[in-house]
Amino acid sequence: MAEIVVRVKWGKLPILGRLVAHMKRDTLKKTVDLIYETMKQEAPVHTGRLRDSIRVEWSESEARIGPTVPYAKYVICWTRPSPGRYVPKIGKRLVNPRFYHARSGKILPRDIGMHPGTPANPFVERTYRKIIKQLPRLLEAEVEAWLR
């Protein structure tokens, strides 16, 4: 599943240790909220199911944000062209029974045709790119607020 993982390694900042210890949960929450809202805005909407499936999973120093519907990977990546629709209940591909064959003058069954595939919609990557630009300002504002 495509997701954005916000992982904070507090031990890597020894100079800012106390500052980070005080701010870490609140800052992580604000960052995750920003990512969550941005991802919901960037998600494509046909029925709204994909957008509504975006969830946040929390742990002590980590949050995972991403869609949970099974077809999200096909929206984010892409699908290649494929033959007409397969119906499992009847075990066959759909055909168009009213296809007129001009050469023979007969009505012949015909495959529905090719599914054209779907282009990629990398909304998780777009979210990441937007957040990376906004993150320094958010962290700067948090540090300034704590220092006051």
Protein backbone atom coordinates (compact mmCIF):
# COMPACT_ATOMS: atom_id res chain seq x y z
CA MET A 1 0.00 0.00 0.00
CA ALA A 2 1.24 3.51 -0.74
CA GLU A 3 1.50 5.60 2.36
CA ILE A 4 3.48 8.36 3.96
CA VAL A 5 5.31 7.41 7.13
CA VAL A 6 6.24 10.17 9.54
CA ARG A 7 8.95 8.76 11.78
CA VAL A 8 10.67 10.88 14.38
CA LYS A 9 14.07 9.81 15.72
CA TRP A 10 14.48 12.01 18.76
CA GLY A 11 17.89 10.64 19.74
CA LYS A 12 19.46 12.20 16.63
CA LEU A 13 19.04 15.73 18.02
CA PRO A 14 21.08 15.88 21.25
CA ILE A 15 21.37 19.68 21.34
CA LEU A 16 17.64 20.20 21.01
CA GLY A 17 16.79 17.29 23.30
CA ARG A 18 14.64 19.11 25.84
CA LEU A 19 12.95 21.24 23.21
CA VAL A 20 12.09 18.21 21.13
CA ALA A 21 10.93 16.20 24.14
CA HIS A 22 8.48 18.97 24.98
CA MET A 23 7.26 19.53 21.44
CA LYS A 24 7.43 16.09 19.88
CA ARG A 25 3.87 14.81 20.33
CA ASP A 26 2.17 18.12 19.54
CA THR A 27 4.38 18.75 16.51
CA LEU A 28 3.90 15.22 15.23
CA LYS A 29 0.13 15.62 15.58
CA LYS A 30 0.16 18.92 13.66
CA THR A 31 2.38 17.46 10.93
CA VAL A 32 0.21 14.37 10.56
CA ASP A 33 -2.96 16.49 10.46
CA LEU A 34 -1.43 18.60 7.69
CA ILE A 35 -0.43 15.49 5.70
CA TYR A 36 -3.88 13.93 6.23
CA GLU A 37 -5.75 17.01 5.00
CA THR A 38 -3.40 17.49 2.04
CA MET A 39 -3.74 13.84 1.01
CA LYS A 40 -7.54 14.08 1.17
CA GLN A 41 -7.40 17.16 -1.09
CA GLU A 42 -5.04 15.45 -3.55
CA ALA A 43 -6.95 12.15 -3.73
CA PRO A 44 -8.97 11.65 -6.91
CA VAL A 45 -12.72 11.58 -6.35
CA HIS A 46 -15.04 9.45 -8.45
CA THR A 47 -17.28 8.00 -5.75
CA GLY A 48 -15.35 9.39 -2.77
CA ARG A 49 -14.54 5.93 -1.43
CA LEU A 50 -10.78 6.24 -2.00
CA ARG A 51 -10.63 9.66 -0.37
CA ASP A 52 -12.73 8.49 2.58
CA SER A 53 -10.49 5.45 3.09
CA ILE A 54 -7.43 7.53 3.99
CA ARG A 55 -6.49 6.64 7.57
CA VAL A 56 -3.83 7.47 10.12
CA GLU A 57 -2.23 4.73 12.21
CA TRP A 58 -0.32 5.92 15.29
CA SER A 59 2.48 4.45 17.33
CA GLU A 60 4.78 6.12 19.88
CA SER A 61 7.02 8.00 17.48
CA GLU A 62 5.50 7.17 14.11
CA ALA A 63 2.36 7.77 12.10
CA ARG A 64 1.36 6.09 8.84
CA ILE A 65 -1.03 7.94 6.56
CA GLY A 66 -2.51 6.35 3.45
CA PRO A 67 -5.54 4.91 1.67
CA THR A 68 -6.89 1.54 2.78
CA VAL A 69 -9.15 0.45 -0.10
CA PRO A 70 -7.77 -2.56 -2.00
CA TYR A 71 -7.82 -0.79 -5.38
CA ALA A 72 -5.70 2.17 -4.23
CA LYS A 73 -2.55 0.63 -5.71
CA TYR A 74 -4.17 0.58 -9.17
CA VAL A 75 -5.14 4.24 -8.91
CA ILE A 76 -1.73 5.31 -7.64
CA CYS A 77 0.31 3.26 -10.10
CA TRP A 78 -1.54 2.34 -13.29
CA THR A 79 -3.18 -0.56 -15.08
CA ARG A 80 -2.28 -1.77 -18.53
CA PRO A 81 -4.76 -2.42 -21.29
CA SER A 82 -6.55 -5.74 -20.93
CA PRO A 83 -9.16 -7.76 -22.85
CA GLY A 84 -12.88 -7.21 -22.26
CA ARG A 85 -14.61 -7.77 -18.97
CA TYR A 86 -14.45 -11.25 -17.42
CA VAL A 87 -17.52 -12.36 -15.46
CA PRO A 88 -16.59 -15.04 -12.89
CA LYS A 89 -20.20 -16.24 -12.37
CA ILE A 90 -20.51 -17.38 -15.97
CA GLY A 91 -16.81 -18.12 -16.45
CA LYS A 92 -16.61 -16.17 -19.71
CA ARG A 93 -15.74 -12.82 -21.15
CA LEU A 94 -18.61 -10.59 -22.15
CA VAL A 95 -19.41 -10.42 -25.84
CA ASN A 96 -21.53 -8.09 -27.94
CA PRO A 97 -24.14 -10.31 -29.65
CA ARG A 98 -25.27 -7.62 -32.09
CA PHE A 99 -22.01 -7.25 -34.02
CA TYR A 100 -22.68 -7.21 -37.76
CA HIS A 101 -19.90 -8.73 -39.85
CA ALA A 102 -19.91 -6.82 -43.13
CA ARG A 103 -18.06 -9.39 -45.24
CA SER A 104 -20.22 -12.36 -44.36
CA GLY A 105 -23.42 -10.41 -43.74
CA LYS A 106 -23.97 -12.30 -40.49
CA ILE A 107 -24.46 -11.19 -36.93
CA LEU A 108 -21.52 -12.62 -35.01
CA PRO A 109 -20.62 -12.58 -31.33
CA ARG A 110 -17.75 -10.25 -30.59
CA ASP A 111 -15.58 -9.53 -27.58
CA ILE A 112 -16.38 -6.33 -25.77
CA GLY A 113 -12.88 -5.30 -26.69
CA MET A 114 -9.91 -3.99 -24.80
CA HIS A 115 -10.03 -2.11 -21.56
CA PRO A 116 -7.78 0.87 -22.27
CA GLY A 117 -6.10 0.76 -18.87
CA THR A 118 -5.89 3.64 -16.46
CA PRO A 119 -3.18 6.25 -16.13
CA ALA A 120 -1.31 6.65 -12.86
CA ASN A 121 -2.58 9.18 -10.33
CA PRO A 122 0.26 9.44 -7.81
CA PHE A 123 -1.61 11.55 -5.25
CA VAL A 124 0.48 10.19 -2.35
CA GLU A 125 3.65 11.40 -4.06
CA ARG A 126 2.06 14.81 -4.77
CA THR A 127 1.13 15.04 -1.09
CA TYR A 128 4.71 14.25 -0.10
CA ARG A 129 6.09 16.96 -2.40
CA LYS A 130 3.69 19.57 -1.01
CA ILE A 131 4.41 18.66 2.61
CA ILE A 132 8.19 18.70 2.17
CA LYS A 133 7.91 22.34 1.10
CA GLN A 134 5.69 23.27 4.07
CA LEU A 135 7.46 21.28 6.79
CA PRO A 136 10.35 23.71 7.50
CA ARG A 137 7.87 26.56 8.06
CA LEU A 138 5.76 24.41 10.37
CA LEU A 139 8.76 23.32 12.45
CA GLU A 140 10.11 26.87 12.58
CA ALA A 141 6.76 28.14 13.87
CA GLU A 142 6.71 25.39 16.52
CA VAL A 143 10.20 26.25 17.75
CA GLU A 144 9.38 29.97 17.87
CA ALA A 145 6.16 29.28 19.78
CA TRP A 146 8.02 27.14 22.32
CA LEU A 147 10.75 29.75 22.83
CA ARG A 148 8.24 32.51 23.69
